[in-house]
Amino acid sequence: MIDTFLQALPHGITLSCRASGPRGRPVLMFLHGFPEAAFVWDELLEHFASPEHGSYRCVAPNLRGFEQSSAPVEVSAYRPKHLAQDIAALIALETGGGSLACLVAHDWGGAVAWNLANQRPELTQRLAIINSPHPGTFLRELQNSPKQQAASAYMNFLIRPDAEALLSHNDFERMWPFLTNGHGGSAAPWLTESVKNQYRAVWGPRADGGSGLTGGCNYYRASPLRPPRPGDPAAASVTLPREMLTIGLPTLVVWALDDIALPPELIEGLDDYVENLTLHTVPGATHWIVHEQPRQVARYLEDFLLSGR
């Protein structure tokens, strides 16, 4: 069973959340990416809340700017430090000031999770990342790899001032290809009409009158980690000190090898930054592996959690 609730945070942000399992249990927290929302984790929330798979309390917030969560107008409000502050505050409320059993994250949620694991490692005992590049390897590839620059070119579309209007046009006709890339132009079997309606509800007009896509686009507008272009050095101007990149937590990385936006070169050298790394690569899976192979993702995560008990 999935419960939904609005959680007000001490610094004035409210996050809409989905959860399974009663409070008081060890907590798993799941962070989604773009252009998704917390609902994408529902199967895993129920899986890990069950007695057969750990009896956890499983919580998936909609990140700021998504679904019913607060959506500040200023682009600067979507910088990594603010996103991490939201999740740190939510962790404190869900654990009573303790730590998560594990922080699980995909895509933009992973960007938040990598940052939190580096800056606030006391907030979680373990980290699990699904197709979300470590900032060190991502910056390296954006600066030096024409292949990655081409694969990430869509980011420079998403920062356009008219991006959300263009993406919303004609029943989101530009959005569906985001979710079917890697399938040779055919429909993704998991993307049923029912699931499409869940996306439409997230991407459509917000109750505050804004576009449901503006928050997600603001993540890209607020970040310099995108391909350089004339007049905009973007990633070429970024330097990240090593102390901002190292991860001491036990870390699971699951990497779908057919991700056309995030090719496998991004996991090369990952063990130079992550001292306790478990890495699984998955042939034949795309960026949307959580939808395509939820049971396989659950097995990897379950084994990882059991190894820490």
Protein backbone atom coordinates (compact mmCIF):
# COMPACT_ATOMS: atom_id res chain seq x y z
CA MET A 1 0.00 0.00 0.00
CA ILE A 2 1.27 3.46 -0.92
CA ASP A 3 0.53 6.42 1.34
CA THR A 4 0.86 10.01 0.12
CA PHE A 5 1.50 13.06 2.28
CA LEU A 6 2.83 16.61 2.24
CA GLN A 7 5.86 17.18 4.46
CA ALA A 8 6.69 20.74 5.50
CA LEU A 9 10.40 21.27 6.10
CA PRO A 10 11.86 23.72 8.64
CA HIS A 11 13.31 26.00 5.93
CA GLY A 12 9.94 26.68 4.27
CA ILE A 13 9.89 24.05 1.50
CA THR A 14 7.16 21.41 1.34
CA LEU A 15 7.77 18.05 -0.34
CA SER A 16 4.97 15.78 -1.51
CA CYS A 17 5.94 12.22 -0.64
CA ARG A 18 4.96 8.62 -1.26
CA ALA A 19 5.67 5.97 1.35
CA SER A 20 5.10 2.36 2.30
CA GLY A 21 5.63 0.83 5.72
CA PRO A 22 5.02 2.34 9.17
CA ARG A 23 7.24 4.89 10.87
CA GLY A 24 9.73 3.50 13.36
CA ARG A 25 11.32 1.02 10.96
CA PRO A 26 14.74 1.47 9.33
CA VAL A 27 14.25 3.90 6.46
CA LEU A 28 15.07 3.59 2.78
CA MET A 29 14.71 6.83 0.81
CA PHE A 30 14.34 6.90 -2.98
CA LEU A 31 15.13 9.97 -5.12
CA HIS A 32 13.79 10.28 -8.68
CA GLY A 33 15.16 12.20 -11.65
CA PHE A 34 13.91 14.17 -14.68
CA PRO A 35 11.36 13.97 -16.23
CA GLU A 36 9.93 11.64 -13.62
CA ALA A 37 8.41 11.85 -10.15
CA ALA A 38 8.17 9.86 -6.94
CA PHE A 39 5.56 7.46 -8.35
CA VAL A 40 8.23 5.65 -10.40
CA TRP A 41 9.45 3.97 -7.20
CA ASP A 42 6.08 2.53 -6.12
CA GLU A 43 6.93 -1.10 -6.90
CA LEU A 44 10.19 -0.91 -4.94
CA LEU A 45 8.54 0.94 -2.04
CA GLU A 46 6.05 -1.89 -1.57
CA HIS A 47 8.70 -4.56 -2.18
CA PHE A 48 11.04 -3.39 0.57
CA ALA A 49 8.27 -2.57 3.02
CA SER A 50 7.15 -6.20 2.96
CA PRO A 51 8.34 -8.59 5.71
CA GLU A 52 9.88 -10.88 3.08
CA HIS A 53 12.23 -8.14 1.89
CA GLY A 54 13.29 -6.28 4.98
CA SER A 55 10.27 -4.59 6.59
CA TYR A 56 11.65 -1.13 5.91
CA ARG A 57 9.86 2.18 5.91
CA CYS A 58 10.28 3.31 2.30
CA VAL A 59 9.90 6.99 1.41
CA ALA A 60 10.06 8.65 -2.01
CA PRO A 61 9.79 12.43 -2.06
CA ASN A 62 8.99 14.47 -5.12
CA LEU A 63 12.02 16.74 -5.36
CA ARG A 64 11.44 20.48 -5.21
CA GLY A 65 9.81 21.71 -8.40
CA PHE A 66 8.12 18.36 -9.10
CA GLU A 67 4.47 17.29 -8.66
CA GLN A 68 3.01 19.02 -5.57
CA SER A 69 6.36 19.89 -3.97
CA SER A 70 7.29 23.55 -3.56
CA ALA A 71 8.50 25.14 -6.79
CA PRO A 72 10.45 28.34 -6.11
CA VAL A 73 10.46 30.80 -9.00
CA GLU A 74 14.17 31.69 -8.87
CA VAL A 75 16.48 29.43 -10.90
CA SER A 76 19.12 29.83 -8.18
CA ALA A 77 16.80 27.96 -5.80
CA TYR A 78 17.59 24.75 -7.73
CA ARG A 79 21.32 24.74 -7.06
CA PRO A 80 22.68 21.53 -5.52
CA LYS A 81 23.08 22.95 -1.99
CA HIS A 82 19.35 23.72 -1.81
CA LEU A 83 18.31 20.33 -3.18
CA ALA A 84 20.56 18.59 -0.67
CA GLN A 85 19.16 20.75 2.15
CA ASP A 86 15.66 19.51 1.35
CA ILE A 87 16.64 15.85 1.53
CA ALA A 88 18.76 16.31 4.66
CA ALA A 89 15.77 17.91 6.40
CA LEU A 90 13.44 15.13 5.26
CA ILE A 91 15.87 12.47 6.47
CA ALA A 92 16.00 14.12 9.90
CA LEU A 93 12.21 14.08 10.14
CA GLU A 94 11.83 10.49 8.90
CA THR A 95 14.57 9.05 11.12
CA GLY A 96 14.07 11.20 14.22
CA GLY A 97 17.50 12.71 13.77
CA GLY A 98 19.21 9.45 12.87
CA SER A 99 20.41 8.00 9.57
CA LEU A 100 18.86 6.12 6.67
CA ALA A 101 19.55 2.45 6.12
CA CYS A 102 20.20 3.46 2.50
CA LEU A 103 19.70 6.37 0.12
CA VAL A 104 18.67 5.10 -3.33
CA ALA A 105 18.71 7.43 -6.32
CA HIS A 106 18.43 7.68 -10.09
CA ASP A 107 19.31 10.41 -12.61
CA TRP A 108 18.99 13.91 -11.00
CA GLY A 109 18.14 12.23 -7.70
CA GLY A 110 21.57 10.64 -7.96
CA ALA A 111 23.21 14.03 -8.40
CA VAL A 112 21.62 15.07 -5.10
CA ALA A 113 22.60 11.78 -3.46
CA TRP A 114 26.26 11.91 -4.55
CA ASN A 115 26.47 15.42 -3.09
CA LEU A 116 24.76 14.45 0.16
CA ALA A 117 26.96 11.36 0.62
CA ASN A 118 30.05 13.56 0.28
CA GLN A 119 28.87 16.52 2.37
CA ARG A 120 26.68 14.77 4.99
CA PRO A 121 27.73 11.09 5.14
CA GLU A 122 26.29 10.72 8.64
CA LEU A 123 22.78 10.92 7.17
CA THR A 124 22.84 7.48 5.54
CA GLN A 125 24.58 4.20 6.23
CA ARG A 126 24.73 3.17 2.58
CA LEU A 127 24.31 4.68 -0.89
CA ALA A 128 22.77 3.09 -4.00
CA ILE A 129 23.00 4.83 -7.38
CA ILE A 130 21.20 3.84 -10.58
CA ASN A 131 22.45 5.43 -13.82
CA SER A 132 23.45 8.75 -12.34
CA PRO A 133 27.02 9.83 -13.06
CA HIS A 134 29.47 10.65 -10.31
CA PRO A 135 30.32 14.36 -10.62
CA GLY A 136 34.02 13.62 -11.06
CA THR A 137 33.65 11.26 -14.00
CA PHE A 138 30.82 13.33 -15.49
CA LEU A 139 32.88 16.51 -15.45
CA ARG A 140 35.84 14.65 -16.96
CA GLU A 141 33.73 13.34 -19.84
CA LEU A 142 31.91 16.63 -20.46
CA GLN A 143 35.23 18.43 -20.69
CA ASN A 144 37.12 15.86 -22.78
CA SER A 145 34.77 13.50 -24.60
CA PRO A 146 32.99 14.54 -27.83
CA LYS A 147 30.84 11.42 -27.36
CA GLN A 148 29.56 12.62 -23.97
CA GLN A 149 29.15 16.18 -25.20
CA ALA A 150 26.94 14.91 -28.02
CA ALA A 151 25.01 12.60 -25.68
CA SER A 152 24.35 15.50 -23.30
CA ALA A 153 23.45 18.06 -25.97
CA TYR A 154 19.79 17.83 -24.93
CA MET A 155 20.74 19.72 -21.76
CA ASN A 156 21.28 22.88 -23.77
CA PHE A 157 17.76 22.54 -25.13
CA LEU A 158 16.30 22.17 -21.63
CA ILE A 159 17.81 25.49 -20.47
CA ARG A 160 16.03 27.47 -23.21
CA PRO A 161 13.50 29.95 -21.78
CA ASP A 162 10.78 28.36 -23.91
CA ALA A 163 11.74 24.75 -23.15
CA GLU A 164 8.72 23.85 -21.04
CA ALA A 165 6.32 25.39 -23.55
CA LEU A 166 7.89 23.44 -26.39
CA LEU A 167 7.90 20.22 -24.34
CA SER A 168 4.23 20.62 -23.41
CA HIS A 169 3.03 21.17 -26.99
CA ASN A 170 0.63 18.67 -28.55
CA ASP A 171 0.28 16.33 -25.58
CA PHE A 172 4.01 16.40 -24.78
CA GLU A 173 5.01 15.02 -28.16
CA ARG A 174 8.67 15.91 -27.50
CA MET A 175 8.65 14.24 -24.07
CA TRP A 176 7.70 10.69 -24.96
CA PRO A 177 10.92 10.13 -26.98
CA PHE A 178 12.89 10.80 -23.78
CA LEU A 179 11.29 7.65 -22.38
CA THR A 180 11.56 5.48 -25.50
CA ASN A 181 15.13 6.28 -26.58
CA GLY A 182 17.12 3.08 -26.63
CA HIS A 183 14.22 1.02 -27.98
CA GLY A 184 15.08 1.51 -31.63
CA GLY A 185 12.24 3.97 -32.09
CA SER A 186 9.60 1.52 -30.88
CA ALA A 187 7.43 2.04 -27.84
CA ALA A 188 8.79 0.99 -24.46
CA PRO A 189 6.57 -1.88 -23.23
CA TRP A 190 6.37 -0.41 -19.72
CA LEU A 191 5.06 2.93 -21.01
CA THR A 192 1.37 2.02 -20.97
CA GLU A 193 -1.43 4.56 -21.33
CA SER A 194 -1.99 4.35 -17.58
CA VAL A 195 1.66 5.22 -16.91
CA LYS A 196 1.50 7.99 -19.50
CA ASN A 197 -1.40 9.49 -17.57
CA GLN A 198 0.75 9.53 -14.43
CA TYR A 199 3.37 11.49 -16.34
CA ARG A 200 0.75 13.85 -17.79
CA ALA A 201 -0.44 14.63 -14.27
CA VAL A 202 3.12 15.55 -13.24
CA TRP A 203 4.05 17.49 -16.40
CA GLY A 204 0.81 19.44 -16.79
CA PRO A 205 -0.23 22.73 -15.18
CA ARG A 206 0.45 23.06 -11.46
CA ALA A 207 -2.10 24.23 -8.92
CA ASP A 208 -0.06 27.43 -8.57
CA GLY A 209 -0.52 28.14 -12.30
CA GLY A 210 2.98 27.21 -13.41
CA SER A 211 4.10 24.41 -15.71
CA GLY A 212 4.86 21.06 -14.14
CA LEU A 213 8.01 20.97 -16.27
CA THR A 214 9.54 24.26 -15.13
CA GLY A 215 11.04 22.87 -11.94
CA GLY A 216 12.81 20.08 -13.78
CA CYS A 217 14.13 22.44 -16.46
CA ASN A 218 15.42 24.72 -13.70
CA TYR A 219 17.71 21.92 -12.50
CA TYR A 220 19.55 22.19 -15.80
CA ARG A 221 19.43 25.99 -15.85
CA ALA A 222 21.00 26.14 -12.39
CA SER A 223 23.84 23.71 -13.14
CA PRO A 224 27.01 24.39 -15.17
CA LEU A 225 27.52 20.65 -15.73
CA ARG A 226 26.43 20.61 -19.35
CA PRO A 227 28.28 20.67 -22.69
CA PRO A 228 30.11 23.90 -23.56
CA ARG A 229 28.83 25.92 -26.51
CA PRO A 230 29.72 29.27 -28.09
CA GLY A 231 29.37 31.99 -25.47
CA ASP A 232 28.75 29.51 -22.67
CA PRO A 233 31.78 27.59 -21.34
CA ALA A 234 29.51 25.54 -19.03
CA ALA A 235 31.44 22.46 -17.83
CA ALA A 236 34.68 23.74 -19.38
CA SER A 237 34.82 26.44 -16.69
CA VAL A 238 34.20 24.11 -13.73
CA THR A 239 36.83 22.80 -11.33
CA LEU A 240 35.80 20.45 -8.53
CA PRO A 241 38.29 19.87 -5.70
CA ARG A 242 38.90 16.23 -4.88
CA GLU A 243 37.55 16.61 -1.35
CA MET A 244 34.12 17.33 -2.89
CA LEU A 245 34.22 14.08 -4.88
CA THR A 246 35.26 11.30 -2.51
CA ILE A 247 32.66 8.90 -1.09
CA GLY A 248 33.45 6.87 2.01
CA LEU A 249 30.09 5.12 2.36
CA PRO A 250 29.51 1.57 1.09
CA THR A 251 28.12 2.31 -2.36
CA LEU A 252 26.18 0.24 -4.88
CA VAL A 253 26.14 1.41 -8.51
CA VAL A 254 23.79 -0.26 -11.00
CA TRP A 255 24.55 0.82 -14.57
CA ALA A 256 22.36 0.04 -17.58
CA LEU A 257 24.76 -0.21 -20.51
CA ASP A 258 22.32 0.92 -23.23
CA ASP A 259 21.78 4.36 -21.71
CA ILE A 260 22.26 6.66 -24.71
CA ALA A 261 22.61 9.82 -22.58
CA LEU A 262 25.00 8.31 -20.03
CA PRO A 263 27.37 5.88 -21.76
CA PRO A 264 29.47 3.37 -19.79
CA GLU A 265 32.62 5.50 -19.97
CA LEU A 266 31.11 7.34 -17.01
CA ILE A 267 31.80 4.40 -14.70
CA GLU A 268 35.46 4.17 -15.74
CA GLY A 269 37.63 5.34 -12.85
CA LEU A 270 34.69 5.39 -10.44
CA ASP A 271 36.63 3.36 -7.88
CA ASP A 272 39.13 6.20 -7.67
CA TYR A 273 36.45 8.29 -5.95
CA VAL A 274 34.41 5.59 -4.16
CA GLU A 275 36.48 3.54 -1.75
CA ASN A 276 33.87 0.84 -1.04
CA LEU A 277 32.20 0.19 -4.39
CA THR A 278 29.89 -2.58 -5.59
CA LEU A 279 29.25 -2.21 -9.32
CA HIS A 280 26.76 -4.11 -11.47
CA THR A 281 26.46 -3.47 -15.21
CA VAL A 282 23.29 -4.52 -17.02
CA PRO A 283 23.44 -5.20 -20.77
CA GLY A 284 20.28 -4.59 -22.74
CA ALA A 285 18.84 -2.07 -20.28
CA THR A 286 18.43 1.65 -20.88
CA HIS A 287 18.33 4.73 -18.66
CA TRP A 288 14.84 3.63 -17.62
CA ILE A 289 16.00 0.38 -16.01
CA VAL A 290 13.86 1.01 -12.93
CA HIS A 291 10.81 0.60 -15.20
CA GLU A 292 12.26 -2.08 -17.47
CA GLN A 293 13.78 -4.41 -14.87
CA PRO A 294 12.43 -3.50 -11.42
CA ARG A 295 12.92 -7.03 -10.09
CA GLN A 296 16.57 -7.08 -11.11
CA VAL A 297 17.13 -3.67 -9.51
CA ALA A 298 15.39 -4.96 -6.36
CA ARG A 299 17.64 -8.04 -6.27
CA TYR A 300 20.81 -5.98 -6.54
CA LEU A 301 19.59 -3.63 -3.83
CA GLU A 302 18.43 -6.44 -1.57
CA ASP A 303 21.80 -8.20 -1.77
CA PHE A 304 23.55 -4.90 -1.04
CA LEU A 305 21.39 -4.22 2.01
CA LEU A 306 21.87 -7.76 3.33
CA SER A 307 25.65 -7.42 3.03
CA GLY A 308 25.49 -4.58 5.57
CA ARG A 309 23.45 -6.40 8.17
